[in-house]
PDB file of N, CA and C in Angstrom:
ATOM      1  N   MET A   1     -23.624  62.706 -31.678  1.00  0.00           N
ATOM      2  CA  MET A   1     -23.899  62.908 -30.256  1.00  0.00           C
ATOM      3  C   MET A   1     -23.584  64.335 -29.838  1.00  0.00           C
ATOM      4  N   GLU A   2     -24.424  64.870 -28.968  1.00  0.00           N
ATOM      5  CA  GLU A   2     -24.163  66.215 -28.466  1.00  0.00           C
ATOM      6  C   GLU A   2     -23.290  66.119 -27.220  1.00  0.00           C
ATOM      7  N   TYR A   3     -22.387  67.069 -27.097  1.00  0.00           N
ATOM      8  CA  TYR A   3     -21.475  67.070 -25.956  1.00  0.00           C
ATOM      9  C   TYR A   3     -21.864  68.208 -25.030  1.00  0.00           C
ATOM     10  N   ASN A   4     -22.358  67.867 -23.850  1.00  0.00           N
ATOM     11  CA  ASN A   4     -22.797  68.881 -22.893  1.00  0.00           C
ATOM     12  C   ASN A   4     -21.764  69.040 -21.788  1.00  0.00           C
ATOM     13  N   GLU A   5     -21.605  70.268 -21.307  1.00  0.00           N
ATOM     14  CA  GLU A   5     -20.644  70.510 -20.227  1.00  0.00           C
ATOM     15  C   GLU A   5     -21.106  69.833 -18.938  1.00  0.00           C
ATOM     16  N   GLU A   6     -22.432  69.729 -18.758  1.00  0.00           N
ATOM     17  CA  GLU A   6     -22.940  69.100 -17.548  1.00  0.00           C
ATOM     18  C   GLU A   6     -22.535  67.630 -17.491  1.00  0.00           C
ATOM     19  N   ASP A   7     -22.570  66.947 -18.636  1.00  0.00           N
ATOM     20  CA  ASP A   7     -22.199  65.539 -18.663  1.00  0.00           C
ATOM     21  C   ASP A   7     -20.719  65.366 -18.333  1.00  0.00           C
ATOM     22  N   SER A   8     -19.878  66.227 -18.889  1.00  0.00           N
ATOM     23  CA  SER A   8     -18.437  66.104 -18.651  1.00  0.00           C
ATOM     24  C   SER A   8     -18.113  66.384 -17.183  1.00  0.00           C
ATOM     25  N   SER A   9     -18.782  67.362 -16.588  1.00  0.00           N
ATOM     26  CA  SER A   9     -18.512  67.677 -15.188  1.00  0.00           C
ATOM     27  C   SER A   9     -19.003  66.541 -14.292  1.00  0.00           C
ATOM     28  N   LEU A  10     -20.135  65.951 -14.660  1.00  0.00           N
ATOM     29  CA  LEU A  10     -20.663  64.836 -13.875  1.00  0.00           C
ATOM     30  C   LEU A  10     -19.737  63.633 -13.980  1.00  0.00           C
ATOM     31  N   LEU A  11     -19.223  63.379 -15.184  1.00  0.00           N
ATOM     32  CA  LEU A  11     -18.309  62.257 -15.378  1.00  0.00           C
ATOM     33  C   LEU A  11     -17.025  62.477 -14.586  1.00  0.00           C
ATOM     34  N   GLY A  12     -16.525  63.702 -14.586  1.00  0.00           N
ATOM     35  CA  GLY A  12     -15.312  64.011 -13.835  1.00  0.00           C
ATOM     36  C   GLY A  12     -15.543  63.858 -12.340  1.00  0.00           C
ATOM     37  N   PHE A  13     -16.733  64.252 -11.882  1.00  0.00           N
ATOM     38  CA  PHE A  13     -17.050  64.134 -10.461  1.00  0.00           C
ATOM     39  C   PHE A  13     -17.138  62.666 -10.051  1.00  0.00           C
ATOM     40  N   LEU A  14     -17.766  61.848 -10.891  1.00  0.00           N
ATOM     41  CA  LEU A  14     -17.893  60.427 -10.584  1.00  0.00           C
ATOM     42  C   LEU A  14     -16.524  59.755 -10.573  1.00  0.00           C
ATOM     43  N   SER A  15     -15.690  60.099 -11.548  1.00  0.00           N
ATOM     44  CA  SER A  15     -14.349  59.502 -11.604  1.00  0.00           C
ATOM     45  C   SER A  15     -13.544  59.927 -10.375  1.00  0.00           C
ATOM     46  N   PHE A  16     -13.740  61.167  -9.930  1.00  0.00           N
ATOM     47  CA  PHE A  16     -13.040  61.650  -8.741  1.00  0.00           C
ATOM     48  C   PHE A  16     -13.470  60.846  -7.514  1.00  0.00           C
ATOM     49  N   LEU A  17     -14.775  60.595  -7.394  1.00  0.00           N
ATOM     50  CA  LEU A  17     -15.270  59.820  -6.258  1.00  0.00           C
ATOM     51  C   LEU A  17     -14.722  58.400  -6.294  1.00  0.00           C
ATOM     52  N   ILE A  18     -14.654  57.813  -7.497  1.00  0.00           N
ATOM     53  CA  ILE A  18     -14.150  56.446  -7.625  1.00  0.00           C
ATOM     54  C   ILE A  18     -12.688  56.374  -7.196  1.00  0.00           C
ATOM     55  N   ILE A  19     -11.899  57.356  -7.634  1.00  0.00           N
ATOM     56  CA  ILE A  19     -10.476  57.371  -7.289  1.00  0.00           C
ATOM     57  C   ILE A  19     -10.299  57.545  -5.782  1.00  0.00           C
ATOM     58  N   VAL A  20     -11.024  58.486  -5.196  1.00  0.00           N
ATOM     59  CA  VAL A  20     -10.915  58.724  -3.751  1.00  0.00           C
ATOM     60  C   VAL A  20     -11.360  57.482  -2.978  1.00  0.00           C
ATOM     61  N   GLY A  21     -12.461  56.870  -3.413  1.00  0.00           N
ATOM     62  CA  GLY A  21     -12.955  55.670  -2.743  1.00  0.00           C
ATOM     63  C   GLY A  21     -11.955  54.534  -2.821  1.00  0.00           C
ATOM     64  N   TYR A  22     -11.307  54.391  -3.982  1.00  0.00           N
ATOM     65  CA  TYR A  22     -10.311  53.324  -4.154  1.00  0.00           C
ATOM     66  C   TYR A  22      -9.120  53.553  -3.229  1.00  0.00           C
ATOM     67  N   ILE A  23      -8.703  54.813  -3.113  1.00  0.00           N
ATOM     68  CA  ILE A  23      -7.565  55.135  -2.249  1.00  0.00           C
ATOM     69  C   ILE A  23      -7.921  54.855  -0.787  1.00  0.00           C
ATOM     70  N   VAL A  24      -9.120  55.244  -0.381  1.00  0.00           N
ATOM     71  CA  VAL A  24      -9.536  55.028   1.009  1.00  0.00           C
ATOM     72  C   VAL A  24      -9.591  53.536   1.317  1.00  0.00           C
ATOM     73  N   ILE A  25     -10.166  52.747   0.405  1.00  0.00           N
ATOM     74  CA  ILE A  25     -10.271  51.301   0.622  1.00  0.00           C
ATOM     75  C   ILE A  25      -8.884  50.674   0.676  1.00  0.00           C
ATOM     76  N   THR A  26      -8.001  51.124  -0.206  1.00  0.00           N
ATOM     77  CA  THR A  26      -6.644  50.572  -0.240  1.00  0.00           C
ATOM     78  C   THR A  26      -5.905  50.882   1.061  1.00  0.00           C
ATOM     79  N   LEU A  27      -6.035  52.113   1.547  1.00  0.00           N
ATOM     80  CA  LEU A  27      -5.353  52.488   2.786  1.00  0.00           C
ATOM     81  C   LEU A  27      -5.971  51.761   3.979  1.00  0.00           C
ATOM     82  N   ALA A  28      -7.272  51.512   3.926  1.00  0.00           N
ATOM     83  CA  ALA A  28      -7.955  50.882   5.050  1.00  0.00           C
ATOM     84  C   ALA A  28      -7.606  49.399   5.153  1.00  0.00           C
ATOM     85  N   HIS A  29      -7.451  48.729   4.016  1.00  0.00           N
ATOM     86  CA  HIS A  29      -7.209  47.288   4.020  1.00  0.00           C
ATOM     87  C   HIS A  29      -5.763  46.940   3.694  1.00  0.00           C
ATOM     88  N   GLY A  30      -4.924  47.940   3.472  1.00  0.00           N
ATOM     89  CA  GLY A  30      -3.540  47.662   3.090  1.00  0.00           C
ATOM     90  C   GLY A  30      -3.470  47.386   1.598  1.00  0.00           C
ATOM     91  N   THR A  31      -2.324  46.956   1.121  1.00  0.00           N
ATOM     92  CA  THR A  31      -2.169  46.704  -0.311  1.00  0.00           C
ATOM     93  C   THR A  31      -3.010  45.504  -0.724  1.00  0.00           C
ATOM     94  N   PRO A  32      -3.702  45.580  -1.860  1.00  0.00           N
ATOM     95  CA  PRO A  32      -4.580  44.484  -2.297  1.00  0.00           C
ATOM     96  C   PRO A  32      -3.825  43.166  -2.478  1.00  0.00           C
ATOM     97  N   SER A  33      -2.543  43.215  -2.818  1.00  0.00           N
ATOM     98  CA  SER A  33      -1.793  41.987  -3.080  1.00  0.00           C
ATOM     99  C   SER A  33      -1.465  41.258  -1.776  1.00  0.00           C
ATOM    100  N   ASP A  34      -1.332  41.983  -0.674  1.00  0.00           N
ATOM    101  CA  ASP A  34      -0.946  41.347   0.587  1.00  0.00           C
ATOM    102  C   ASP A  34      -2.138  40.673   1.267  1.00  0.00           C
ATOM    103  N   VAL A  35      -3.319  41.249   1.130  1.00  0.00           N
ATOM    104  CA  VAL A  35      -4.485  40.727   1.857  1.00  0.00           C
ATOM    105  C   VAL A  35      -4.848  39.306   1.424  1.00  0.00           C
ATOM    106  N   PRO A  36      -5.031  39.024   0.120  1.00  0.00           N
ATOM    107  CA  PRO A  36      -5.397  37.658  -0.295  1.00  0.00           C
ATOM    108  C   PRO A  36      -4.318  36.640   0.067  1.00  0.00           C
ATOM    109  N   VAL A  37      -3.050  37.029  -0.005  1.00  0.00           N
ATOM    110  CA  VAL A  37      -1.960  36.100   0.302  1.00  0.00           C
ATOM    111  C   VAL A  37      -2.029  35.685   1.763  1.00  0.00           C
ATOM    112  N   SER A  38      -2.253  36.635   2.655  1.00  0.00           N
ATOM    113  CA  SER A  38      -2.299  36.316   4.079  1.00  0.00           C
ATOM    114  C   SER A  38      -3.507  35.427   4.373  1.00  0.00           C
ATOM    115  N   GLN A  39      -4.634  35.675   3.712  1.00  0.00           N
ATOM    116  CA  GLN A  39      -5.827  34.863   3.925  1.00  0.00           C
ATOM    117  C   GLN A  39      -5.606  33.445   3.405  1.00  0.00           C
ATOM    118  N   GLU A  40      -4.964  33.318   2.236  1.00  0.00           N
ATOM    119  CA  GLU A  40      -4.727  31.996   1.656  1.00  0.00           C
ATOM    120  C   GLU A  40      -3.763  31.194   2.527  1.00  0.00           C
ATOM    121  N   SER A  41      -2.699  31.841   3.016  1.00  0.00           N
ATOM    122  CA  SER A  41      -1.713  31.134   3.832  1.00  0.00           C
ATOM    123  C   SER A  41      -2.361  30.669   5.138  1.00  0.00           C
ATOM    124  N   ALA A  42      -3.236  31.488   5.705  1.00  0.00           N
ATOM    125  CA  ALA A  42      -3.901  31.112   6.948  1.00  0.00           C
ATOM    126  C   ALA A  42      -4.840  29.933   6.697  1.00  0.00           C
ATOM    127  N   THR A  43      -5.552  29.950   5.585  1.00  0.00           N
ATOM    128  CA  THR A  43      -6.476  28.858   5.261  1.00  0.00           C
ATOM    129  C   THR A  43      -5.710  27.568   5.003  1.00  0.00           C
ATOM    130  N   GLU A  44      -4.597  27.657   4.302  1.00  0.00           N
ATOM    131  CA  GLU A  44      -3.811  26.456   3.998  1.00  0.00           C
ATOM    132  C   GLU A  44      -3.238  25.852   5.274  1.00  0.00           C
ATOM    133  N   SER A  45      -2.749  26.695   6.190  1.00  0.00           N
ATOM    134  CA  SER A  45      -2.156  26.180   7.424  1.00  0.00           C
ATOM    135  C   SER A  45      -3.233  25.504   8.275  1.00  0.00           C
ATOM    136  N   GLU A  46      -4.445  26.078   8.295  1.00  0.00           N
ATOM    137  CA  GLU A  46      -5.522  25.477   9.072  1.00  0.00           C
ATOM    138  C   GLU A  46      -5.948  24.142   8.461  1.00  0.00           C
ATOM    139  N   ALA A  47      -6.009  24.077   7.131  1.00  0.00           N
ATOM    140  CA  ALA A  47      -6.437  22.853   6.458  1.00  0.00           C
ATOM    141  C   ALA A  47      -5.376  21.763   6.610  1.00  0.00           C
ATOM    142  N   ALA A  48      -4.096  22.142   6.600  1.00  0.00           N
ATOM    143  CA  ALA A  48      -3.018  21.156   6.674  1.00  0.00           C
ATOM    144  C   ALA A  48      -2.814  20.681   8.117  1.00  0.00           C
ATOM    145  N   GLY A  49      -3.179  21.510   9.094  1.00  0.00           N
ATOM    146  CA  GLY A  49      -2.957  21.142  10.492  1.00  0.00           C
ATOM    147  C   GLY A  49      -3.710  19.885  10.891  1.00  0.00           C
ATOM    148  N   PRO A  50      -5.009  19.881  10.863  1.00  0.00           N
ATOM    149  CA  PRO A  50      -5.797  18.700  11.262  1.00  0.00           C
ATOM    150  C   PRO A  50      -5.845  17.664  10.139  1.00  0.00           C
TER     151      PRO A  50
END
């Protein structure tokens, strides 16, 4: 396989966008571990109530 500088720069740019996007999503929605727990607890309380 040939190794081109354009491919490496493109890969680095894409990885940079992925990292930035992940950080933005994490900050916008809070920690990923807390969100599902709060949703599950709310669903369980609603199902157990009636």
